[in-house]
C-alpha cells in the first residue's frame, strides 16, 4: 500500500453538526414563556403596589429580575405588557371559577355561591392590577383602543359562562339576567375597591352575604320580576 493511501485512510472524517432538535426548540420556547411569566407577575405586583400611573417598564423589569432588552424582546411597549396582564389574569380567574365550581354541591348551589367566589377572586392583587389597567385606559388612548376588543371578548365569554351555569342549574330564562349579572359584577368590584380604602374586610364580607341572599331570593321567585 502506498504512503498516499495510508495518509488518506488516516485522515479523520468531518463530523456533521447535529440538526437542532424539536427538544431544543421547545427549550427556547420555554425560556420565552418563563420570561413572559416573570414579567406578567412583576407587572401585577407593581400595579397593585403603585397603581397604573406610577408603573413603568423599568420598574417592572427590575421587579422581574429581567434585563430591559429581554423585556423589550417579549413586550416592545408598556401597552403590550398591560394587554398580556389582562389576558393572563382572565385566564387564571376562569380556571379558578372552573375549579371551584367543580366542587360545588350542585349546579344550582354553584350559581348561588357566585358572589362569594367573585369576591375571593376580585380581591386578589392580580384582579386589582387589572382594575388599575382599566382605569388607566381612561387617560391612555392607545391602551384604550387596544384594550377594547379584549374587553369585548371577555364580556362575551363571561356572559356565555353565566348563561351556561343558569341552564345547568335549571333556572328559568329571566329577562333580568343580563342586568343582574352586571349589577353583581359591579357590586363585588366596588366592594373590592372599598377594601383598599376602608380595609374592614369583615364588614364588606357581610355585604357579600347579603348579595348571596338577594341572588337566591331573585331566582326562587321571592323578588317579583320587573
C-alpha atoms as a PDB file:
ATOM      1  CA  UNK A   1       0.000   0.000   0.000  1.00  0.00           C
ATOM      2  CA  UNK A   2       1.398   3.461  -0.901  1.00  0.00           C
ATOM      3  CA  UNK A   3       2.128   6.197   1.593  1.00  0.00           C
ATOM      4  CA  UNK A   4      -0.585   8.314  -0.045  1.00  0.00           C
ATOM      5  CA  UNK A   5      -3.135   5.586   0.565  1.00  0.00           C
ATOM      6  CA  UNK A   6      -2.097   5.394   4.175  1.00  0.00           C
ATOM      7  CA  UNK A   7      -2.388   9.164   4.604  1.00  0.00           C
ATOM      8  CA  UNK A   8      -5.815   9.252   3.035  1.00  0.00           C
ATOM      9  CA  UNK A   9      -7.161   6.498   5.241  1.00  0.00           C
ATOM     10  CA  UNK A  10      -5.683   8.157   8.325  1.00  0.00           C
ATOM     11  CA  UNK A  11      -7.344  11.496   7.645  1.00  0.00           C
ATOM     12  CA  UNK A  12     -10.140  11.982  10.184  1.00  0.00           C
ATOM     13  CA  UNK A  13     -13.578  12.440   8.708  1.00  0.00           C
ATOM     14  CA  UNK A  14     -15.510  15.587   9.415  1.00  0.00           C
ATOM     15  CA  UNK A  15     -18.418  15.021  11.715  1.00  0.00           C
ATOM     16  CA  UNK A  16     -21.637  16.665  10.708  1.00  0.00           C
ATOM     17  CA  UNK A  17     -23.258  19.051  13.124  1.00  0.00           C
ATOM     18  CA  UNK A  18     -26.437  17.557  14.512  1.00  0.00           C
ATOM     19  CA  UNK A  19     -29.508  19.407  13.414  1.00  0.00           C
ATOM     20  CA  UNK A  20     -31.376  21.409  16.019  1.00  0.00           C
ATOM     21  CA  UNK A  21     -33.953  19.121  17.519  1.00  0.00           C
ATOM     22  CA  UNK A  22     -37.522  19.894  18.431  1.00  0.00           C
ATOM     23  CA  UNK A  23     -36.495  19.476  22.083  1.00  0.00           C
ATOM     24  CA  UNK A  24     -34.043  22.362  21.725  1.00  0.00           C
ATOM     25  CA  UNK A  25     -36.687  24.499  20.032  1.00  0.00           C
ATOM     26  CA  UNK A  26     -39.124  23.774  22.855  1.00  0.00           C
ATOM     27  CA  UNK A  27     -36.462  24.738  25.363  1.00  0.00           C
ATOM     28  CA  UNK A  28     -36.170  28.143  23.705  1.00  0.00           C
ATOM     29  CA  UNK A  29     -39.959  28.484  23.761  1.00  0.00           C
ATOM     30  CA  UNK A  30     -39.989  27.520  27.415  1.00  0.00           C
ATOM     31  CA  UNK A  31     -37.385  30.148  28.178  1.00  0.00           C
ATOM     32  CA  UNK A  32     -39.530  32.767  26.465  1.00  0.00           C
ATOM     33  CA  UNK A  33     -42.608  31.588  28.361  1.00  0.00           C
ATOM     34  CA  UNK A  34     -40.703  31.787  31.642  1.00  0.00           C
ATOM     35  CA  UNK A  35     -39.580  35.345  30.897  1.00  0.00           C
ATOM     36  CA  UNK A  36     -43.136  36.321  29.991  1.00  0.00           C
ATOM     37  CA  UNK A  37     -44.466  34.800  33.214  1.00  0.00           C
ATOM     38  CA  UNK A  38     -41.909  36.689  35.290  1.00  0.00           C
ATOM     39  CA  UNK A  39     -42.789  39.964  33.573  1.00  0.00           C
ATOM     40  CA  UNK A  40     -46.534  39.480  33.948  1.00  0.00           C
ATOM     41  CA  UNK A  41     -46.198  38.576  37.641  1.00  0.00           C
ATOM     42  CA  UNK A  42     -43.894  41.550  38.196  1.00  0.00           C
ATOM     43  CA  UNK A  43     -46.323  43.877  36.419  1.00  0.00           C
ATOM     44  CA  UNK A  44     -49.138  42.635  38.662  1.00  0.00           C
ATOM     45  CA  UNK A  45     -47.036  43.304  41.774  1.00  0.00           C
ATOM     46  CA  UNK A  46     -46.025  46.814  40.687  1.00  0.00           C
ATOM     47  CA  UNK A  47     -49.530  47.771  39.525  1.00  0.00           C
ATOM     48  CA  UNK A  48     -51.017  46.566  42.799  1.00  0.00           C
ATOM     49  CA  UNK A  49     -48.400  48.400  44.836  1.00  0.00           C
ATOM     50  CA  UNK A  50     -48.111  51.683  42.922  1.00  0.00           C
ATOM     51  CA  UNK A  51     -51.068  51.997  40.552  1.00  0.00           C
ATOM     52  CA  UNK A  52     -51.087  52.376  36.778  1.00  0.00           C
ATOM     53  CA  UNK A  53     -49.769  55.944  36.630  1.00  0.00           C
ATOM     54  CA  UNK A  54     -46.605  55.173  38.611  1.00  0.00           C
ATOM     55  CA  UNK A  55     -45.940  51.831  36.895  1.00  0.00           C
ATOM     56  CA  UNK A  56     -43.082  51.919  34.366  1.00  0.00           C
ATOM     57  CA  UNK A  57     -41.493  49.226  32.250  1.00  0.00           C
ATOM     58  CA  UNK A  58     -38.210  49.899  34.030  1.00  0.00           C
ATOM     59  CA  UNK A  59     -39.748  49.156  37.424  1.00  0.00           C
ATOM     60  CA  UNK A  60     -41.354  46.011  36.057  1.00  0.00           C
ATOM     61  CA  UNK A  61     -38.098  44.736  34.570  1.00  0.00           C
ATOM     62  CA  UNK A  62     -36.328  45.394  37.868  1.00  0.00           C
ATOM     63  CA  UNK A  63     -39.077  43.611  39.834  1.00  0.00           C
ATOM     64  CA  UNK A  64     -38.873  40.630  37.479  1.00  0.00           C
ATOM     65  CA  UNK A  65     -35.080  40.456  37.534  1.00  0.00           C
ATOM     66  CA  UNK A  66     -35.084  40.654  33.734  1.00  0.00           C
ATOM     67  CA  UNK A  67     -32.898  42.888  31.562  1.00  0.00           C
ATOM     68  CA  UNK A  68     -34.605  45.716  29.734  1.00  0.00           C
ATOM     69  CA  UNK A  69     -33.536  44.203  26.426  1.00  0.00           C
ATOM     70  CA  UNK A  70     -35.111  40.850  27.294  1.00  0.00           C
ATOM     71  CA  UNK A  71     -38.306  42.606  28.321  1.00  0.00           C
ATOM     72  CA  UNK A  72     -38.485  44.619  25.110  1.00  0.00           C
ATOM     73  CA  UNK A  73     -37.975  41.435  23.120  1.00  0.00           C
ATOM     74  CA  UNK A  74     -41.117  39.971  24.692  1.00  0.00           C
ATOM     75  CA  UNK A  75     -43.173  43.157  25.095  1.00  0.00           C
ATOM     76  CA  UNK A  76     -41.945  46.091  22.992  1.00  0.00           C
ATOM     77  CA  UNK A  77     -44.239  48.611  24.743  1.00  0.00           C
ATOM     78  CA  UNK A  78     -45.945  49.105  28.079  1.00  0.00           C
ATOM     79  CA  UNK A  79     -49.306  48.658  26.368  1.00  0.00           C
ATOM     80  CA  UNK A  80     -48.231  45.251  25.020  1.00  0.00           C
ATOM     81  CA  UNK A  81     -47.392  44.141  28.544  1.00  0.00           C
ATOM     82  CA  UNK A  82     -50.603  45.551  30.034  1.00  0.00           C
ATOM     83  CA  UNK A  83     -52.680  43.613  27.498  1.00  0.00           C
ATOM     84  CA  UNK A  84     -50.738  40.456  28.366  1.00  0.00           C
ATOM     85  CA  UNK A  85     -51.530  41.033  32.052  1.00  0.00           C
ATOM     86  CA  UNK A  86     -55.273  41.383  31.370  1.00  0.00           C
ATOM     87  CA  UNK A  87     -55.330  38.276  29.192  1.00  0.00           C
ATOM     88  CA  UNK A  88     -53.289  36.166  31.626  1.00  0.00           C
ATOM     89  CA  UNK A  89     -55.256  37.240  34.698  1.00  0.00           C
ATOM     90  CA  UNK A  90     -58.548  36.500  32.962  1.00  0.00           C
ATOM     91  CA  UNK A  91     -57.254  33.028  32.107  1.00  0.00           C
ATOM     92  CA  UNK A  92     -56.249  32.413  35.718  1.00  0.00           C
ATOM     93  CA  UNK A  93     -59.592  33.658  37.014  1.00  0.00           C
ATOM     94  CA  UNK A  94     -61.507  31.464  34.563  1.00  0.00           C
ATOM     95  CA  UNK A  95     -59.556  28.446  35.736  1.00  0.00           C
ATOM     96  CA  UNK A  96     -60.294  29.305  39.370  1.00  0.00           C
ATOM     97  CA  UNK A  97     -64.031  29.658  38.663  1.00  0.00           C
ATOM     98  CA  UNK A  98     -63.959  26.296  36.888  1.00  0.00           C
ATOM     99  CA  UNK A  99     -62.060  24.600  39.705  1.00  0.00           C
ATOM    100  CA  UNK A 100     -64.279  25.987  42.468  1.00  0.00           C
ATOM    101  CA  UNK A 101     -67.441  25.329  40.505  1.00  0.00           C
ATOM    102  CA  UNK A 102     -66.489  21.688  40.070  1.00  0.00           C
ATOM    103  CA  UNK A 103     -66.573  21.108  43.832  1.00  0.00           C
ATOM    104  CA  UNK A 104     -69.936  22.795  44.422  1.00  0.00           C
ATOM    105  CA  UNK A 105     -72.665  20.605  45.905  1.00  0.00           C
ATOM    106  CA  UNK A 106     -74.846  21.028  42.808  1.00  0.00           C
ATOM    107  CA  UNK A 107     -75.091  23.226  39.664  1.00  0.00           C
ATOM    108  CA  UNK A 108     -77.762  25.275  41.438  1.00  0.00           C
ATOM    109  CA  UNK A 109     -75.582  25.865  44.506  1.00  0.00           C
ATOM    110  CA  UNK A 110     -72.683  26.690  42.226  1.00  0.00           C
ATOM    111  CA  UNK A 111     -74.702  29.642  40.952  1.00  0.00           C
ATOM    112  CA  UNK A 112     -75.756  30.818  44.403  1.00  0.00           C
ATOM    113  CA  UNK A 113     -72.115  30.779  45.552  1.00  0.00           C
ATOM    114  CA  UNK A 114     -71.061  33.023  42.703  1.00  0.00           C
ATOM    115  CA  UNK A 115     -70.926  36.333  44.681  1.00  0.00           C
ATOM    116  CA  UNK A 116     -68.611  34.762  47.276  1.00  0.00           C
ATOM    117  CA  UNK A 117     -66.400  33.269  44.578  1.00  0.00           C
ATOM    118  CA  UNK A 118     -66.267  36.593  42.724  1.00  0.00           C
ATOM    119  CA  UNK A 119     -65.273  38.305  45.962  1.00  0.00           C
ATOM    120  CA  UNK A 120     -62.439  35.840  46.553  1.00  0.00           C
ATOM    121  CA  UNK A 121     -61.146  36.329  43.005  1.00  0.00           C
ATOM    122  CA  UNK A 122     -61.648  40.092  42.615  1.00  0.00           C
ATOM    123  CA  UNK A 123     -59.857  40.967  45.854  1.00  0.00           C
ATOM    124  CA  UNK A 124     -56.619  39.327  44.732  1.00  0.00           C
ATOM    125  CA  UNK A 125     -53.661  41.533  43.698  1.00  0.00           C
ATOM    126  CA  UNK A 126     -53.986  40.259  40.118  1.00  0.00           C
ATOM    127  CA  UNK A 127     -57.594  41.441  39.839  1.00  0.00           C
ATOM    128  CA  UNK A 128     -56.728  44.798  41.385  1.00  0.00           C
ATOM    129  CA  UNK A 129     -53.894  45.135  38.870  1.00  0.00           C
ATOM    130  CA  UNK A 130     -56.369  44.620  36.022  1.00  0.00           C
ATOM    131  CA  UNK A 131     -58.653  47.225  37.566  1.00  0.00           C
ATOM    132  CA  UNK A 132     -55.715  49.663  37.604  1.00  0.00           C
ATOM    133  CA  UNK A 133     -55.168  48.973  33.886  1.00  0.00           C
ATOM    134  CA  UNK A 134     -58.845  49.540  33.122  1.00  0.00           C
ATOM    135  CA  UNK A 135     -58.852  52.831  34.990  1.00  0.00           C
ATOM    136  CA  UNK A 136     -55.547  53.823  33.391  1.00  0.00           C
ATOM    137  CA  UNK A 137     -57.015  53.368  29.916  1.00  0.00           C
ATOM    138  CA  UNK A 138     -59.176  56.443  30.517  1.00  0.00           C
ATOM    139  CA  UNK A 139     -56.111  58.645  30.109  1.00  0.00           C
ATOM    140  CA  UNK A 140     -54.134  56.441  27.697  1.00  0.00           C
ATOM    141  CA  UNK A 141     -55.707  56.499  24.194  1.00  0.00           C
ATOM    142  CA  UNK A 142     -53.514  53.709  22.795  1.00  0.00           C
ATOM    143  CA  UNK A 143     -54.265  51.432  25.725  1.00  0.00           C
ATOM    144  CA  UNK A 144     -57.981  52.226  25.490  1.00  0.00           C
ATOM    145  CA  UNK A 145     -58.102  51.423  21.759  1.00  0.00           C
ATOM    146  CA  UNK A 146     -56.244  48.134  22.074  1.00  0.00           C
ATOM    147  CA  UNK A 147     -57.936  47.073  25.291  1.00  0.00           C
ATOM    148  CA  UNK A 148     -61.473  47.490  23.926  1.00  0.00           C
ATOM    149  CA  UNK A 149     -61.522  44.339  21.708  1.00  0.00           C
ATOM    150  CA  UNK A 150     -60.113  42.235  24.545  1.00  0.00           C
ATOM    151  CA  UNK A 151     -62.731  43.579  26.949  1.00  0.00           C
ATOM    152  CA  UNK A 152     -65.494  42.749  24.454  1.00  0.00           C
ATOM    153  CA  UNK A 153     -64.152  39.219  24.114  1.00  0.00           C
ATOM    154  CA  UNK A 154     -64.006  38.760  27.891  1.00  0.00           C
ATOM    155  CA  UNK A 155     -67.514  40.202  28.246  1.00  0.00           C
ATOM    156  CA  UNK A 156     -68.947  37.788  25.661  1.00  0.00           C
ATOM    157  CA  UNK A 157     -67.224  34.797  27.258  1.00  0.00           C
ATOM    158  CA  UNK A 158     -68.397  35.791  30.746  1.00  0.00           C
ATOM    159  CA  UNK A 159     -71.966  36.172  29.578  1.00  0.00           C
ATOM    160  CA  UNK A 160     -71.907  32.749  27.928  1.00  0.00           C
ATOM    161  CA  UNK A 161     -70.478  31.228  31.130  1.00  0.00           C
ATOM    162  CA  UNK A 162     -73.249  32.687  33.311  1.00  0.00           C
ATOM    163  CA  UNK A 163     -75.904  31.529  30.844  1.00  0.00           C
ATOM    164  CA  UNK A 164     -74.477  28.003  30.940  1.00  0.00           C
ATOM    165  CA  UNK A 165     -74.454  27.984  34.751  1.00  0.00           C
ATOM    166  CA  UNK A 166     -78.101  29.110  34.782  1.00  0.00           C
ATOM    167  CA  UNK A 167     -79.021  26.412  32.304  1.00  0.00           C
ATOM    168  CA  UNK A 168     -77.153  23.724  34.257  1.00  0.00           C
ATOM    169  CA  UNK A 169     -78.925  24.816  37.437  1.00  0.00           C
ATOM    170  CA  UNK A 170     -82.362  24.556  35.840  1.00  0.00           C
ATOM    171  CA  UNK A 171     -83.145  28.245  36.303  1.00  0.00           C
ATOM    172  CA  UNK A 172     -85.748  29.985  34.156  1.00  0.00           C
ATOM    173  CA  UNK A 173     -84.543  32.355  31.473  1.00  0.00           C
ATOM    174  CA  UNK A 174     -85.369  35.575  33.284  1.00  0.00           C
ATOM    175  CA  UNK A 175     -85.327  38.827  31.306  1.00  0.00           C
ATOM    176  CA  UNK A 176     -83.353  40.472  34.128  1.00  0.00           C
ATOM    177  CA  UNK A 177     -80.441  38.016  33.773  1.00  0.00           C
ATOM    178  CA  UNK A 178     -78.066  40.362  31.971  1.00  0.00           C
ATOM    179  CA  UNK A 179     -78.908  43.310  34.242  1.00  0.00           C
ATOM    180  CA  UNK A 180     -78.445  41.046  37.262  1.00  0.00           C
ATOM    181  CA  UNK A 181     -75.055  39.895  36.037  1.00  0.00           C
ATOM    182  CA  UNK A 182     -73.884  43.476  35.556  1.00  0.00           C
ATOM    183  CA  UNK A 183     -75.250  44.507  38.944  1.00  0.00           C
ATOM    184  CA  UNK A 184     -73.455  41.743  40.809  1.00  0.00           C
ATOM    185  CA  UNK A 185     -70.138  42.205  38.996  1.00  0.00           C
ATOM    186  CA  UNK A 186     -70.243  45.955  39.624  1.00  0.00           C
ATOM    187  CA  UNK A 187     -71.241  45.455  43.264  1.00  0.00           C
ATOM    188  CA  UNK A 188     -68.451  42.987  44.011  1.00  0.00           C
ATOM    189  CA  UNK A 189     -65.894  45.060  42.110  1.00  0.00           C
ATOM    190  CA  UNK A 190     -66.991  48.162  44.005  1.00  0.00           C
ATOM    191  CA  UNK A 191     -66.664  46.351  47.320  1.00  0.00           C
ATOM    192  CA  UNK A 192     -63.166  45.197  46.343  1.00  0.00           C
ATOM    193  CA  UNK A 193     -62.214  48.848  45.761  1.00  0.00           C
ATOM    194  CA  UNK A 194     -63.779  49.701  49.111  1.00  0.00           C
ATOM    195  CA  UNK A 195     -61.475  47.136  50.707  1.00  0.00           C
ATOM    196  CA  UNK A 196     -58.475  49.181  49.556  1.00  0.00           C
ATOM    197  CA  UNK A 197     -59.904  52.267  51.259  1.00  0.00           C
ATOM    198  CA  UNK A 198     -61.625  51.144  54.453  1.00  0.00           C
ATOM    199  CA  UNK A 199     -59.749  47.859  54.976  1.00  0.00           C
ATOM    200  CA  UNK A 200     -62.630  46.418  57.012  1.00  0.00           C
ATOM    201  CA  UNK A 201     -62.933  43.035  55.364  1.00  0.00           C
ATOM    202  CA  UNK A 202     -65.475  41.669  57.867  1.00  0.00           C
ATOM    203  CA  UNK A 203     -67.992  44.430  57.161  1.00  0.00           C
ATOM    204  CA  UNK A 204     -67.559  44.064  53.406  1.00  0.00           C
ATOM    205  CA  UNK A 205     -67.986  40.296  53.588  1.00  0.00           C
ATOM    206  CA  UNK A 206     -71.317  40.886  55.331  1.00  0.00           C
ATOM    207  CA  UNK A 207     -72.326  42.813  52.209  1.00  0.00           C
ATOM    208  CA  UNK A 208     -71.280  39.839  50.066  1.00  0.00           C
ATOM    209  CA  UNK A 209     -73.505  37.592  52.192  1.00  0.00           C
ATOM    210  CA  UNK A 210     -76.391  39.984  51.568  1.00  0.00           C
ATOM    211  CA  UNK A 211     -75.727  39.780  47.824  1.00  0.00           C
ATOM    212  CA  UNK A 212     -75.916  35.994  48.046  1.00  0.00           C
ATOM    213  CA  UNK A 213     -79.292  36.260  49.777  1.00  0.00           C
ATOM    214  CA  UNK A 214     -80.587  38.666  47.121  1.00  0.00           C
ATOM    215  CA  UNK A 215     -79.452  36.290  44.385  1.00  0.00           C
ATOM    216  CA  UNK A 216     -81.206  33.322  45.967  1.00  0.00           C
ATOM    217  CA  UNK A 217     -84.384  35.347  46.543  1.00  0.00           C
ATOM    218  CA  UNK A 218     -84.421  36.524  42.919  1.00  0.00           C
ATOM    219  CA  UNK A 219     -84.129  33.058  41.456  1.00  0.00           C
ATOM    220  CA  UNK A 220     -86.511  31.458  43.938  1.00  0.00           C
ATOM    221  CA  UNK A 221     -89.197  33.899  42.846  1.00  0.00           C
ATOM    222  CA  UNK A 222     -89.352  35.913  46.050  1.00  0.00           C
ATOM    223  CA  UNK A 223     -88.408  39.095  44.181  1.00  0.00           C
ATOM    224  CA  UNK A 224     -91.115  39.844  41.597  1.00  0.00           C
ATOM    225  CA  UNK A 225     -89.985  40.435  38.001  1.00  0.00           C
ATOM    226  CA  UNK A 226     -89.928  43.973  36.683  1.00  0.00           C
END
